[in-house]
């Protein structure tokens, strides 16, 4: 099942690397959007700090997932891949919590699919 595991890891590598890189490229635009998104929540004053943290953790999750691809394909191991998936799931949970706090229930609902895929991927890694 290394191919399936590698495909799952590739999905999360693309998801988090693209998201993190997009945040870096359009930092100002993304930050302004998030400030508006959270303006009526208790997080309004800490959005810039949280944005920096989530950008860093998304990039870290993406890189770890990419390393996990190599690990499952070439080293017949899944230690890094397992920790990468746990980190991805943690990130999704943080994003989900943020969407719920912002009362963006549709945005939160979309994240459920990613979370479930992460759980299934973790089970497949066994």
PDB file of N, CA and C in Angstrom:
ATOM      1  N   UNK A   1       0.789  -1.203   0.000  1.00  0.00           N
ATOM      2  CA  UNK A   1       0.000   0.000   0.000  1.00  0.00           C
ATOM      3  C   UNK A   1       0.839   1.280   0.000  1.00  0.00           C
ATOM      4  N   UNK A   2       2.132   1.196  -0.281  1.00  0.00           N
ATOM      5  CA  UNK A   2       2.944   2.417  -0.255  1.00  0.00           C
ATOM      6  C   UNK A   2       2.464   3.481  -1.246  1.00  0.00           C
ATOM      7  N   UNK A   3       1.943   3.051  -2.387  1.00  0.00           N
ATOM      8  CA  UNK A   3       1.483   4.033  -3.382  1.00  0.00           C
ATOM      9  C   UNK A   3       0.295   4.819  -2.836  1.00  0.00           C
ATOM     10  N   UNK A   4      -0.656   4.125  -2.223  1.00  0.00           N
ATOM     11  CA  UNK A   4      -1.822   4.808  -1.653  1.00  0.00           C
ATOM     12  C   UNK A   4      -1.380   5.752  -0.539  1.00  0.00           C
ATOM     13  N   UNK A   5      -0.476   5.283   0.302  1.00  0.00           N
ATOM     14  CA  UNK A   5       0.038   6.139   1.378  1.00  0.00           C
ATOM     15  C   UNK A   5       0.746   7.362   0.808  1.00  0.00           C
ATOM     16  N   UNK A   6       1.537   7.162  -0.230  1.00  0.00           N
ATOM     17  CA  UNK A   6       2.249   8.281  -0.853  1.00  0.00           C
ATOM     18  C   UNK A   6       1.270   9.269  -1.478  1.00  0.00           C
ATOM     19  N   UNK A   7       0.203   8.767  -2.079  1.00  0.00           N
ATOM     20  CA  UNK A   7      -0.808   9.655  -2.668  1.00  0.00           C
ATOM     21  C   UNK A   7      -1.513  10.478  -1.589  1.00  0.00           C
ATOM     22  N   UNK A   8      -1.812   9.848  -0.477  1.00  0.00           N
ATOM     23  CA  UNK A   8      -2.420  10.582   0.642  1.00  0.00           C
ATOM     24  C   UNK A   8      -1.472  11.669   1.141  1.00  0.00           C
ATOM     25  N   UNK A   9      -0.200  11.320   1.278  1.00  0.00           N
ATOM     26  CA  UNK A   9       0.784  12.298   1.734  1.00  0.00           C
ATOM     27  C   UNK A   9       0.941  13.423   0.712  1.00  0.00           C
ATOM     28  N   UNK A  10       0.896  13.065  -0.573  1.00  0.00           N
ATOM     29  CA  UNK A  10       1.007  14.072  -1.633  1.00  0.00           C
ATOM     30  C   UNK A  10      -0.155  15.059  -1.562  1.00  0.00           C
ATOM     31  N   UNK A  11      -1.341  14.548  -1.291  1.00  0.00           N
ATOM     32  CA  UNK A  11      -2.510  15.422  -1.172  1.00  0.00           C
ATOM     33  C   UNK A  11      -2.273  16.478  -0.094  1.00  0.00           C
ATOM     34  N   UNK A  12      -1.812  16.034   1.066  1.00  0.00           N
ATOM     35  CA  UNK A  12      -1.604  16.981   2.164  1.00  0.00           C
ATOM     36  C   UNK A  12      -0.394  17.876   1.922  1.00  0.00           C
ATOM     37  N   UNK A  13       0.616  17.370   1.232  1.00  0.00           N
ATOM     38  CA  UNK A  13       1.757  18.219   0.879  1.00  0.00           C
ATOM     39  C   UNK A  13       1.293  19.364  -0.020  1.00  0.00           C
ATOM     40  N   UNK A  14       0.510  19.034  -1.036  1.00  0.00           N
ATOM     41  CA  UNK A  14      -0.009  20.068  -1.946  1.00  0.00           C
ATOM     42  C   UNK A  14      -0.920  21.030  -1.187  1.00  0.00           C
ATOM     43  N   UNK A  15      -1.823  20.487  -0.397  1.00  0.00           N
ATOM     44  CA  UNK A  15      -2.784  21.310   0.341  1.00  0.00           C
ATOM     45  C   UNK A  15      -2.083  22.352   1.205  1.00  0.00           C
ATOM     46  N   UNK A  16      -1.147  21.900   2.023  1.00  0.00           N
ATOM     47  CA  UNK A  16      -0.542  22.815   2.981  1.00  0.00           C
ATOM     48  C   UNK A  16       0.581  23.662   2.388  1.00  0.00           C
ATOM     49  N   UNK A  17       1.349  23.119   1.445  1.00  0.00           N
ATOM     50  CA  UNK A  17       2.377  23.950   0.806  1.00  0.00           C
ATOM     51  C   UNK A  17       1.737  25.059  -0.014  1.00  0.00           C
ATOM     52  N   UNK A  18       0.710  24.727  -0.787  1.00  0.00           N
ATOM     53  CA  UNK A  18       0.033  25.754  -1.586  1.00  0.00           C
ATOM     54  C   UNK A  18      -0.572  26.824  -0.688  1.00  0.00           C
ATOM     55  N   UNK A  19      -1.223  26.399   0.377  1.00  0.00           N
ATOM     56  CA  UNK A  19      -1.864  27.352   1.278  1.00  0.00           C
ATOM     57  C   UNK A  19      -0.832  28.250   1.958  1.00  0.00           C
ATOM     58  N   UNK A  20       0.234  27.655   2.457  1.00  0.00           N
ATOM     59  CA  UNK A  20       1.273  28.437   3.121  1.00  0.00           C
ATOM     60  C   UNK A  20       1.991  29.380   2.170  1.00  0.00           C
ATOM     61  N   UNK A  21       2.312  28.889   0.983  1.00  0.00           N
ATOM     62  CA  UNK A  21       2.998  29.731  -0.012  1.00  0.00           C
ATOM     63  C   UNK A  21       2.091  30.867  -0.464  1.00  0.00           C
ATOM     64  N   UNK A  22       0.801  30.578  -0.670  1.00  0.00           N
ATOM     65  CA  UNK A  22      -0.146  31.628  -1.048  1.00  0.00           C
ATOM     66  C   UNK A  22      -0.213  32.709   0.026  1.00  0.00           C
ATOM     67  N   UNK A  23      -0.210  32.301   1.272  1.00  0.00           N
ATOM     68  CA  UNK A  23      -0.248  33.281   2.362  1.00  0.00           C
ATOM     69  C   UNK A  23       1.010  34.153   2.348  1.00  0.00           C
ATOM     70  N   UNK A  24       2.156  33.556   2.029  1.00  0.00           N
ATOM     71  CA  UNK A  24       3.396  34.327   1.983  1.00  0.00           C
ATOM     72  C   UNK A  24       3.408  35.289   0.795  1.00  0.00           C
ATOM     73  N   UNK A  25       2.935  34.826  -0.350  1.00  0.00           N
ATOM     74  CA  UNK A  25       2.953  35.651  -1.560  1.00  0.00           C
ATOM     75  C   UNK A  25       1.995  36.828  -1.449  1.00  0.00           C
ATOM     76  N   UNK A  26       0.797  36.569  -0.921  1.00  0.00           N
ATOM     77  CA  UNK A  26      -0.209  37.629  -0.782  1.00  0.00           C
ATOM     78  C   UNK A  26      -0.496  37.879   0.696  1.00  0.00           C
ATOM     79  N   UNK A  27       0.560  38.125   1.437  1.00  0.00           N
ATOM     80  CA  UNK A  27       0.444  38.308   2.881  1.00  0.00           C
ATOM     81  C   UNK A  27      -0.573  39.392   3.222  1.00  0.00           C
ATOM     82  N   UNK A  28      -0.412  40.547   2.615  1.00  0.00           N
ATOM     83  CA  UNK A  28      -1.260  41.692   2.946  1.00  0.00           C
ATOM     84  C   UNK A  28      -2.724  41.424   2.602  1.00  0.00           C
ATOM     85  N   UNK A  29      -2.970  40.883   1.421  1.00  0.00           N
ATOM     86  CA  UNK A  29      -4.344  40.608   1.006  1.00  0.00           C
ATOM     87  C   UNK A  29      -5.018  39.580   1.895  1.00  0.00           C
ATOM     88  N   UNK A  30      -4.301  38.500   2.192  1.00  0.00           N
ATOM     89  CA  UNK A  30      -4.853  37.464   3.066  1.00  0.00           C
ATOM     90  C   UNK A  30      -5.089  37.997   4.477  1.00  0.00           C
ATOM     91  N   UNK A  31      -4.142  38.773   4.980  1.00  0.00           N
ATOM     92  CA  UNK A  31      -4.276  39.317   6.329  1.00  0.00           C
ATOM     93  C   UNK A  31      -5.465  40.271   6.412  1.00  0.00           C
ATOM     94  N   UNK A  32      -5.619  41.127   5.414  1.00  0.00           N
ATOM     95  CA  UNK A  32      -6.765  42.043   5.409  1.00  0.00           C
ATOM     96  C   UNK A  32      -8.085  41.283   5.376  1.00  0.00           C
ATOM     97  N   UNK A  33      -8.144  40.225   4.565  1.00  0.00           N
ATOM     98  CA  UNK A  33      -9.365  39.425   4.503  1.00  0.00           C
ATOM     99  C   UNK A  33      -9.654  38.790   5.865  1.00  0.00           C
ATOM    100  N   UNK A  34      -8.622  38.243   6.495  1.00  0.00           N
ATOM    101  CA  UNK A  34      -8.805  37.594   7.796  1.00  0.00           C
ATOM    102  C   UNK A  34      -9.200  38.588   8.885  1.00  0.00           C
ATOM    103  N   UNK A  35      -8.658  39.785   8.826  1.00  0.00           N
ATOM    104  CA  UNK A  35      -9.056  40.806   9.806  1.00  0.00           C
ATOM    105  C   UNK A  35     -10.550  41.072   9.712  1.00  0.00           C
ATOM    106  N   UNK A  36     -11.059  41.158   8.493  1.00  0.00           N
ATOM    107  CA  UNK A  36     -12.497  41.336   8.309  1.00  0.00           C
ATOM    108  C   UNK A  36     -13.289  40.120   8.745  1.00  0.00           C
ATOM    109  N   UNK A  37     -12.749  38.959   8.462  1.00  0.00           N
ATOM    110  CA  UNK A  37     -13.419  37.692   8.787  1.00  0.00           C
ATOM    111  C   UNK A  37     -13.599  37.533  10.301  1.00  0.00           C
ATOM    112  N   UNK A  38     -12.623  38.004  11.071  1.00  0.00           N
ATOM    113  CA  UNK A  38     -12.647  37.829  12.528  1.00  0.00           C
ATOM    114  C   UNK A  38     -12.948  39.120  13.289  1.00  0.00           C
ATOM    115  N   UNK A  39     -13.384  40.183  12.589  1.00  0.00           N
ATOM    116  CA  UNK A  39     -13.545  41.480  13.239  1.00  0.00           C
ATOM    117  C   UNK A  39     -14.567  41.486  14.376  1.00  0.00           C
ATOM    118  N   UNK A  40     -15.523  40.594  14.341  1.00  0.00           N
ATOM    119  CA  UNK A  40     -16.554  40.569  15.392  1.00  0.00           C
ATOM    120  C   UNK A  40     -16.324  39.452  16.405  1.00  0.00           C
ATOM    121  N   UNK A  41     -15.123  38.905  16.419  1.00  0.00           N
ATOM    122  CA  UNK A  41     -14.826  37.815  17.356  1.00  0.00           C
ATOM    123  C   UNK A  41     -13.798  38.285  18.381  1.00  0.00           C
ATOM    124  N   UNK A  42     -13.614  37.484  19.400  1.00  0.00           N
ATOM    125  CA  UNK A  42     -12.623  37.815  20.426  1.00  0.00           C
ATOM    126  C   UNK A  42     -11.191  37.680  19.907  1.00  0.00           C
ATOM    127  N   UNK A  43     -11.025  37.147  18.695  1.00  0.00           N
ATOM    128  CA  UNK A  43      -9.695  36.996  18.102  1.00  0.00           C
ATOM    129  C   UNK A  43      -9.265  38.220  17.284  1.00  0.00           C
ATOM    130  N   UNK A  44     -10.129  39.212  17.170  1.00  0.00           N
ATOM    131  CA  UNK A  44      -9.880  40.354  16.286  1.00  0.00           C
ATOM    132  C   UNK A  44      -8.510  40.997  16.507  1.00  0.00           C
ATOM    133  N   UNK A  45      -8.087  41.128  17.742  1.00  0.00           N
ATOM    134  CA  UNK A  45      -6.826  41.828  18.031  1.00  0.00           C
ATOM    135  C   UNK A  45      -5.580  40.975  17.836  1.00  0.00           C
ATOM    136  N   UNK A  46      -5.751  39.680  17.686  1.00  0.00           N
ATOM    137  CA  UNK A  46      -4.582  38.803  17.559  1.00  0.00           C
ATOM    138  C   UNK A  46      -4.490  38.135  16.185  1.00  0.00           C
ATOM    139  N   UNK A  47      -5.305  38.586  15.245  1.00  0.00           N
ATOM    140  CA  UNK A  47      -5.305  37.980  13.907  1.00  0.00           C
ATOM    141  C   UNK A  47      -3.919  38.003  13.266  1.00  0.00           C
ATOM    142  N   UNK A  48      -3.181  39.111  13.283  1.00  0.00           N
ATOM    143  CA  UNK A  48      -1.858  39.092  12.634  1.00  0.00           C
ATOM    144  C   UNK A  48      -0.914  38.038  13.221  1.00  0.00           C
ATOM    145  N   UNK A  49      -0.884  37.910  14.531  1.00  0.00           N
ATOM    146  CA  UNK A  49      -0.007  36.912  15.160  1.00  0.00           C
ATOM    147  C   UNK A  49      -0.462  35.501  14.801  1.00  0.00           C
ATOM    148  N   UNK A  50      -1.758  35.252  14.886  1.00  0.00           N
ATOM    149  CA  UNK A  50      -2.279  33.922  14.560  1.00  0.00           C
ATOM    150  C   UNK A  50      -2.061  33.589  13.090  1.00  0.00           C
ATOM    151  N   UNK A  51      -2.158  34.600  12.238  1.00  0.00           N
ATOM    152  CA  UNK A  51      -1.929  34.397  10.807  1.00  0.00           C
ATOM    153  C   UNK A  51      -0.485  33.958  10.557  1.00  0.00           C
ATOM    154  N   UNK A  52       0.453  34.586  11.234  1.00  0.00           N
ATOM    155  CA  UNK A  52       1.854  34.183  11.108  1.00  0.00           C
ATOM    156  C   UNK A  52       2.080  32.767  11.592  1.00  0.00           C
ATOM    157  N   UNK A  53       1.466  32.428  12.711  1.00  0.00           N
ATOM    158  CA  UNK A  53       1.621  31.079  13.263  1.00  0.00           C
ATOM    159  C   UNK A  53       1.030  30.039  12.325  1.00  0.00           C
ATOM    160  N   UNK A  54      -0.175  30.276  11.826  1.00  0.00           N
ATOM    161  CA  UNK A  54      -0.818  29.275  10.963  1.00  0.00           C
ATOM    162  C   UNK A  54      -0.072  29.152   9.634  1.00  0.00           C
ATOM    163  N   UNK A  55       0.480  30.249   9.138  1.00  0.00           N
ATOM    164  CA  UNK A  55       1.278  30.169   7.910  1.00  0.00           C
ATOM    165  C   UNK A  55       2.492  29.271   8.134  1.00  0.00           C
ATOM    166  N   UNK A  56       3.188  29.489   9.235  1.00  0.00           N
ATOM    167  CA  UNK A  56       4.360  28.674   9.562  1.00  0.00           C
ATOM    168  C   UNK A  56       3.989  27.202   9.731  1.00  0.00           C
ATOM    169  N   UNK A  57       2.922  26.936  10.473  1.00  0.00           N
ATOM    170  CA  UNK A  57       2.558  25.538  10.724  1.00  0.00           C
ATOM    171  C   UNK A  57       2.036  24.849   9.465  1.00  0.00           C
ATOM    172  N   UNK A  58       1.382  25.594   8.580  1.00  0.00           N
ATOM    173  CA  UNK A  58       0.952  25.001   7.311  1.00  0.00           C
ATOM    174  C   UNK A  58       2.157  24.629   6.454  1.00  0.00           C
ATOM    175  N   UNK A  59       3.126  25.515   6.377  1.00  0.00           N
ATOM    176  CA  UNK A  59       4.333  25.209   5.607  1.00  0.00           C
ATOM    177  C   UNK A  59       5.067  24.010   6.197  1.00  0.00           C
ATOM    178  N   UNK A  60       5.147  23.960   7.505  1.00  0.00           N
ATOM    179  CA  UNK A  60       5.794  22.836   8.177  1.00  0.00           C
ATOM    180  C   UNK A  60       5.049  21.525   7.900  1.00  0.00           C
ATOM    181  N   UNK A  61       3.731  21.563   7.955  1.00  0.00           N
ATOM    182  CA  UNK A  61       2.926  20.366   7.664  1.00  0.00           C
ATOM    183  C   UNK A  61       3.118  19.929   6.216  1.00  0.00           C
ATOM    184  N   UNK A  62       3.196  20.894   5.300  1.00  0.00           N
ATOM    185  CA  UNK A  62       3.403  20.566   3.893  1.00  0.00           C
ATOM    186  C   UNK A  62       4.759  19.943   3.632  1.00  0.00           C
ATOM    187  N   UNK A  63       5.793  20.504   4.224  1.00  0.00           N
ATOM    188  CA  UNK A  63       7.143  19.955   4.055  1.00  0.00           C
ATOM    189  C   UNK A  63       7.229  18.568   4.686  1.00  0.00           C
ATOM    190  N   UNK A  64       6.678  18.411   5.877  1.00  0.00           N
ATOM    191  CA  UNK A  64       6.698  17.101   6.540  1.00  0.00           C
ATOM    192  C   UNK A  64       5.945  16.062   5.713  1.00  0.00           C
ATOM    193  N   UNK A  65       4.846  16.470   5.101  1.00  0.00           N
ATOM    194  CA  UNK A  65       4.091  15.547   4.246  1.00  0.00           C
ATOM    195  C   UNK A  65       4.905  15.155   3.021  1.00  0.00           C
ATOM    196  N   UNK A  66       5.626  16.114   2.443  1.00  0.00           N
ATOM    197  CA  UNK A  66       6.477  15.812   1.289  1.00  0.00           C
ATOM    198  C   UNK A  66       7.588  14.835   1.676  1.00  0.00           C
ATOM    199  N   UNK A  67       8.177  15.032   2.836  1.00  0.00           N
ATOM    200  CA  UNK A  67       9.193  14.098   3.327  1.00  0.00           C
ATOM    201  C   UNK A  67       8.557  12.730   3.559  1.00  0.00           C
ATOM    202  N   UNK A  68       7.318  12.720   4.033  1.00  0.00           N
ATOM    203  CA  UNK A  68       6.594  11.470   4.249  1.00  0.00           C
ATOM    204  C   UNK A  68       6.399  10.673   2.974  1.00  0.00           C
ATOM    205  N   UNK A  69       6.236  11.357   1.846  1.00  0.00           N
ATOM    206  CA  UNK A  69       6.114  10.670   0.548  1.00  0.00           C
ATOM    207  C   UNK A  69       7.370   9.853   0.289  1.00  0.00           C
ATOM    208  N   UNK A  70       8.519  10.492   0.434  1.00  0.00           N
ATOM    209  CA  UNK A  70       9.802   9.821   0.209  1.00  0.00           C
ATOM    210  C   UNK A  70       9.960   8.658   1.183  1.00  0.00           C
ATOM    211  N   UNK A  71       9.598   8.891   2.420  1.00  0.00           N
ATOM    212  CA  UNK A  71       9.743   7.856   3.444  1.00  0.00           C
ATOM    213  C   UNK A  71       8.936   6.607   3.103  1.00  0.00           C
ATOM    214  N   UNK A  72       7.655   6.767   2.756  1.00  0.00           N
ATOM    215  CA  UNK A  72       6.826   5.574   2.510  1.00  0.00           C
ATOM    216  C   UNK A  72       7.200   4.877   1.204  1.00  0.00           C
ATOM    217  N   UNK A  73       7.691   5.636   0.225  1.00  0.00           N
ATOM    218  CA  UNK A  73       8.038   5.024  -1.063  1.00  0.00           C
ATOM    219  C   UNK A  73       9.407   4.355  -1.064  1.00  0.00           C
ATOM    220  N   UNK A  74      10.384   4.972  -0.412  1.00  0.00           N
ATOM    221  CA  UNK A  74      11.758   4.501  -0.550  1.00  0.00           C
ATOM    222  C   UNK A  74      12.361   3.866   0.699  1.00  0.00           C
ATOM    223  N   UNK A  75      11.735   4.068   1.842  1.00  0.00           N
ATOM    224  CA  UNK A  75      12.310   3.546   3.079  1.00  0.00           C
ATOM    225  C   UNK A  75      11.399   2.565   3.804  1.00  0.00           C
ATOM    226  N   UNK A  76      10.260   2.255   3.221  1.00  0.00           N
ATOM    227  CA  UNK A  76       9.301   1.305   3.811  1.00  0.00           C
ATOM    228  C   UNK A  76       9.048   1.611   5.287  1.00  0.00           C
ATOM    229  N   UNK A  77       8.941   2.881   5.586  1.00  0.00           N
ATOM    230  CA  UNK A  77       8.696   3.329   6.950  1.00  0.00           C
ATOM    231  C   UNK A  77       7.542   4.325   6.928  1.00  0.00           C
ATOM    232  N   UNK A  78       6.997   4.608   8.084  1.00  0.00           N
ATOM    233  CA  UNK A  78       5.902   5.577   8.124  1.00  0.00           C
ATOM    234  C   UNK A  78       5.931   6.475   9.360  1.00  0.00           C
ATOM    235  N   UNK A  79       7.067   6.556  10.017  1.00  0.00           N
ATOM    236  CA  UNK A  79       7.157   7.352  11.243  1.00  0.00           C
ATOM    237  C   UNK A  79       6.965   8.837  10.939  1.00  0.00           C
ATOM    238  N   UNK A  80       7.738   9.364  10.007  1.00  0.00           N
ATOM    239  CA  UNK A  80       7.617  10.781   9.650  1.00  0.00           C
ATOM    240  C   UNK A  80       6.246  11.051   9.050  1.00  0.00           C
ATOM    241  N   UNK A  81       5.791  10.155   8.183  1.00  0.00           N
ATOM    242  CA  UNK A  81       4.475  10.323   7.558  1.00  0.00           C
ATOM    243  C   UNK A  81       3.372  10.368   8.612  1.00  0.00           C
ATOM    244  N   UNK A  82       3.469   9.523   9.615  1.00  0.00           N
ATOM    245  CA  UNK A  82       2.454   9.508  10.676  1.00  0.00           C
ATOM    246  C   UNK A  82       2.448  10.821  11.451  1.00  0.00           C
ATOM    247  N   UNK A  83       3.632  11.293  11.826  1.00  0.00           N
ATOM    248  CA  UNK A  83       3.698  12.564  12.542  1.00  0.00           C
ATOM    249  C   UNK A  83       3.250  13.717  11.647  1.00  0.00           C
ATOM    250  N   UNK A  84       3.581  13.650  10.363  1.00  0.00           N
ATOM    251  CA  UNK A  84       3.140  14.684   9.429  1.00  0.00           C
ATOM    252  C   UNK A  84       1.616  14.730   9.365  1.00  0.00           C
ATOM    253  N   UNK A  85       0.996  13.568   9.264  1.00  0.00           N
ATOM    254  CA  UNK A  85      -0.469  13.528   9.220  1.00  0.00           C
ATOM    255  C   UNK A  85      -1.081  14.052  10.516  1.00  0.00           C
ATOM    256  N   UNK A  86      -0.498  13.703  11.640  1.00  0.00           N
ATOM    257  CA  UNK A  86      -1.002  14.233  12.911  1.00  0.00           C
ATOM    258  C   UNK A  86      -0.894  15.753  12.939  1.00  0.00           C
ATOM    259  N   UNK A  87       0.206  16.272  12.406  1.00  0.00           N
ATOM    260  CA  UNK A  87       0.387  17.722  12.357  1.00  0.00           C
ATOM    261  C   UNK A  87      -0.606  18.358  11.388  1.00  0.00           C
ATOM    262  N   UNK A  88      -0.856  17.690  10.264  1.00  0.00           N
ATOM    263  CA  UNK A  88      -1.871  18.170   9.320  1.00  0.00           C
ATOM    264  C   UNK A  88      -3.243  18.200   9.983  1.00  0.00           C
ATOM    265  N   UNK A  89      -3.578  17.138  10.691  1.00  0.00           N
ATOM    266  CA  UNK A  89      -4.870  17.074  11.380  1.00  0.00           C
ATOM    267  C   UNK A  89      -4.984  18.167  12.438  1.00  0.00           C
ATOM    268  N   UNK A  90      -3.901  18.424  13.145  1.00  0.00           N
ATOM    269  CA  UNK A  90      -3.895  19.509  14.123  1.00  0.00           C
ATOM    270  C   UNK A  90      -4.171  20.847  13.437  1.00  0.00           C
ATOM    271  N   UNK A  91      -3.511  21.082  12.299  1.00  0.00           N
ATOM    272  CA  UNK A  91      -3.730  22.318  11.552  1.00  0.00           C
ATOM    273  C   UNK A  91      -5.176  22.447  11.107  1.00  0.00           C
ATOM    274  N   UNK A  92      -5.736  21.372  10.589  1.00  0.00           N
ATOM    275  CA  UNK A  92      -7.127  21.407  10.135  1.00  0.00           C
ATOM    276  C   UNK A  92      -8.055  21.694  11.314  1.00  0.00           C
ATOM    277  N   UNK A  93      -7.764  21.103  12.455  1.00  0.00           N
ATOM    278  CA  UNK A  93      -8.568  21.342  13.648  1.00  0.00           C
ATOM    279  C   UNK A  93      -8.494  22.807  14.079  1.00  0.00           C
ATOM    280  N   UNK A  94      -7.318  23.404  14.000  1.00  0.00           N
ATOM    281  CA  UNK A  94      -7.160  24.822  14.332  1.00  0.00           C
ATOM    282  C   UNK A  94      -7.946  25.680  13.343  1.00  0.00           C
ATOM    283  N   UNK A  95      -7.824  25.380  12.049  1.00  0.00           N
ATOM    284  CA  UNK A  95      -8.570  26.129  11.038  1.00  0.00           C
ATOM    285  C   UNK A  95     -10.077  25.970  11.242  1.00  0.00           C
ATOM    286  N   UNK A  96     -10.515  24.753  11.545  1.00  0.00           N
ATOM    287  CA  UNK A  96     -11.926  24.466  11.798  1.00  0.00           C
ATOM    288  C   UNK A  96     -12.427  25.295  12.989  1.00  0.00           C
ATOM    289  N   UNK A  97     -11.632  25.325  14.049  1.00  0.00           N
ATOM    290  CA  UNK A  97     -12.005  26.097  15.232  1.00  0.00           C
ATOM    291  C   UNK A  97     -12.132  27.576  14.888  1.00  0.00           C
ATOM    292  N   UNK A  98     -11.188  28.084  14.109  1.00  0.00           N
ATOM    293  CA  UNK A  98     -11.245  29.481  13.689  1.00  0.00           C
ATOM    294  C   UNK A  98     -12.488  29.791  12.876  1.00  0.00           C
ATOM    295  N   UNK A  99     -12.839  28.901  11.969  1.00  0.00           N
ATOM    296  CA  UNK A  99     -14.039  29.114  11.159  1.00  0.00           C
ATOM    297  C   UNK A  99     -15.287  29.120  12.038  1.00  0.00           C
ATOM    298  N   UNK A 100     -15.334  28.237  13.012  1.00  0.00           N
ATOM    299  CA  UNK A 100     -16.486  28.197  13.920  1.00  0.00           C
ATOM    300  C   UNK A 100     -16.550  29.479  14.754  1.00  0.00           C
ATOM    301  N   UNK A 101     -15.402  29.948  15.239  1.00  0.00           N
ATOM    302  CA  UNK A 101     -15.374  31.181  16.031  1.00  0.00           C
ATOM    303  C   UNK A 101     -15.853  32.356  15.192  1.00  0.00           C
ATOM    304  N   UNK A 102     -15.459  32.381  13.917  1.00  0.00           N
ATOM    305  CA  UNK A 102     -15.868  33.458  13.013  1.00  0.00           C
ATOM    306  C   UNK A 102     -17.307  33.288  12.537  1.00  0.00           C
ATOM    307  N   UNK A 103     -17.948  32.229  12.976  1.00  0.00           N
ATOM    308  CA  UNK A 103     -19.321  31.896  12.579  1.00  0.00           C
ATOM    309  C   UNK A 103     -19.447  31.651  11.076  1.00  0.00           C
ATOM    310  N   UNK A 104     -18.347  31.147  10.481  1.00  0.00           N
ATOM    311  CA  UNK A 104     -18.354  30.745   9.074  1.00  0.00           C
ATOM    312  C   UNK A 104     -18.581  29.234   9.046  1.00  0.00           C
ATOM    313  N   UNK A 105     -19.832  28.858   9.224  1.00  0.00           N
ATOM    314  CA  UNK A 105     -20.159  27.443   9.359  1.00  0.00           C
ATOM    315  C   UNK A 105     -19.985  26.681   8.051  1.00  0.00           C
ATOM    316  N   UNK A 106     -20.199  27.338   6.929  1.00  0.00           N
ATOM    317  CA  UNK A 106     -19.968  26.681   5.634  1.00  0.00           C
ATOM    318  C   UNK A 106     -18.479  26.412   5.435  1.00  0.00           C
ATOM    319  N   UNK A 107     -17.649  27.382   5.779  1.00  0.00           N
ATOM    320  CA  UNK A 107     -16.203  27.196   5.681  1.00  0.00           C
ATOM    321  C   UNK A 107     -15.714  26.090   6.596  1.00  0.00           C
ATOM    322  N   UNK A 108     -16.298  26.020   7.786  1.00  0.00           N
ATOM    323  CA  UNK A 108     -15.932  24.952   8.722  1.00  0.00           C
ATOM    324  C   UNK A 108     -16.353  23.596   8.176  1.00  0.00           C
ATOM    325  N   UNK A 109     -17.525  23.545   7.557  1.00  0.00           N
ATOM    326  CA  UNK A 109     -18.028  22.271   7.021  1.00  0.00           C
ATOM    327  C   UNK A 109     -17.112  21.722   5.933  1.00  0.00           C
ATOM    328  N   UNK A 110     -16.537  22.587   5.124  1.00  0.00           N
ATOM    329  CA  UNK A 110     -15.627  22.152   4.062  1.00  0.00           C
ATOM    330  C   UNK A 110     -14.409  21.444   4.660  1.00  0.00           C
ATOM    331  N   UNK A 111     -13.943  21.925   5.794  1.00  0.00           N
ATOM    332  CA  UNK A 111     -12.752  21.351   6.421  1.00  0.00           C
ATOM    333  C   UNK A 111     -12.977  19.940   6.952  1.00  0.00           C
ATOM    334  N   UNK A 112     -14.228  19.579   7.180  1.00  0.00           N
ATOM    335  CA  UNK A 112     -14.535  18.235   7.679  1.00  0.00           C
ATOM    336  C   UNK A 112     -14.036  17.176   6.702  1.00  0.00           C
ATOM    337  N   UNK A 113     -14.183  17.426   5.402  1.00  0.00           N
ATOM    338  CA  UNK A 113     -13.712  16.466   4.396  1.00  0.00           C
ATOM    339  C   UNK A 113     -12.207  16.244   4.491  1.00  0.00           C
ATOM    340  N   UNK A 114     -11.461  17.329   4.661  1.00  0.00           N
ATOM    341  CA  UNK A 114     -10.013  17.214   4.797  1.00  0.00           C
ATOM    342  C   UNK A 114      -9.645  16.445   6.066  1.00  0.00           C
ATOM    343  N   UNK A 115     -10.376  16.741   7.135  1.00  0.00           N
ATOM    344  CA  UNK A 115     -10.103  16.061   8.400  1.00  0.00           C
ATOM    345  C   UNK A 115     -10.358  14.559   8.279  1.00  0.00           C
ATOM    346  N   UNK A 116     -11.470  14.199   7.663  1.00  0.00           N
ATOM    347  CA  UNK A 116     -11.790  12.779   7.493  1.00  0.00           C
ATOM    348  C   UNK A 116     -10.760  12.073   6.621  1.00  0.00           C
ATOM    349  N   UNK A 117     -10.318  12.738   5.545  1.00  0.00           N
ATOM    350  CA  UNK A 117      -9.276  12.145   4.705  1.00  0.00           C
ATOM    351  C   UNK A 117      -7.992  11.949   5.510  1.00  0.00           C
ATOM    352  N   UNK A 118      -7.684  12.894   6.369  1.00  0.00           N
ATOM    353  CA  UNK A 118      -6.502  12.758   7.218  1.00  0.00           C
ATOM    354  C   UNK A 118      -6.611  11.581   8.171  1.00  0.00           C
ATOM    355  N   UNK A 119      -7.783  11.384   8.748  1.00  0.00           N
ATOM    356  CA  UNK A 119      -8.000  10.245   9.653  1.00  0.00           C
ATOM    357  C   UNK A 119      -7.866   8.935   8.885  1.00  0.00           C
ATOM    358  N   UNK A 120      -8.503   8.862   7.712  1.00  0.00           N
ATOM    359  CA  UNK A 120      -8.413   7.647   6.884  1.00  0.00           C
ATOM    360  C   UNK A 120      -6.963   7.396   6.482  1.00  0.00           C
ATOM    361  N   UNK A 121      -6.258   8.447   6.106  1.00  0.00           N
ATOM    362  CA  UNK A 121      -4.847   8.310   5.722  1.00  0.00           C
ATOM    363  C   UNK A 121      -4.014   7.775   6.876  1.00  0.00           C
ATOM    364  N   UNK A 122      -4.281   8.263   8.060  1.00  0.00           N
ATOM    365  CA  UNK A 122      -3.556   7.801   9.243  1.00  0.00           C
ATOM    366  C   UNK A 122      -3.839   6.325   9.516  1.00  0.00           C
ATOM    367  N   UNK A 123      -5.088   5.925   9.354  1.00  0.00           N
ATOM    368  CA  UNK A 123      -5.451   4.515   9.536  1.00  0.00           C
ATOM    369  C   UNK A 123      -4.753   3.649   8.489  1.00  0.00           C
ATOM    370  N   UNK A 124      -4.708   4.124   7.244  1.00  0.00           N
ATOM    371  CA  UNK A 124      -4.059   3.361   6.175  1.00  0.00           C
ATOM    372  C   UNK A 124      -2.561   3.199   6.414  1.00  0.00           C
ATOM    373  N   UNK A 125      -1.959   4.198   7.041  1.00  0.00           N
ATOM    374  CA  UNK A 125      -0.532   4.075   7.362  1.00  0.00           C
ATOM    375  C   UNK A 125      -0.300   2.963   8.372  1.00  0.00           C
ATOM    376  N   UNK A 126      -1.328   2.735   9.202  1.00  0.00           N
ATOM    377  CA  UNK A 126      -1.332   1.635  10.164  1.00  0.00           C
ATOM    378  C   UNK A 126      -0.194   1.674  11.085  1.00  0.00           C
TER     379      UNK A 126
END
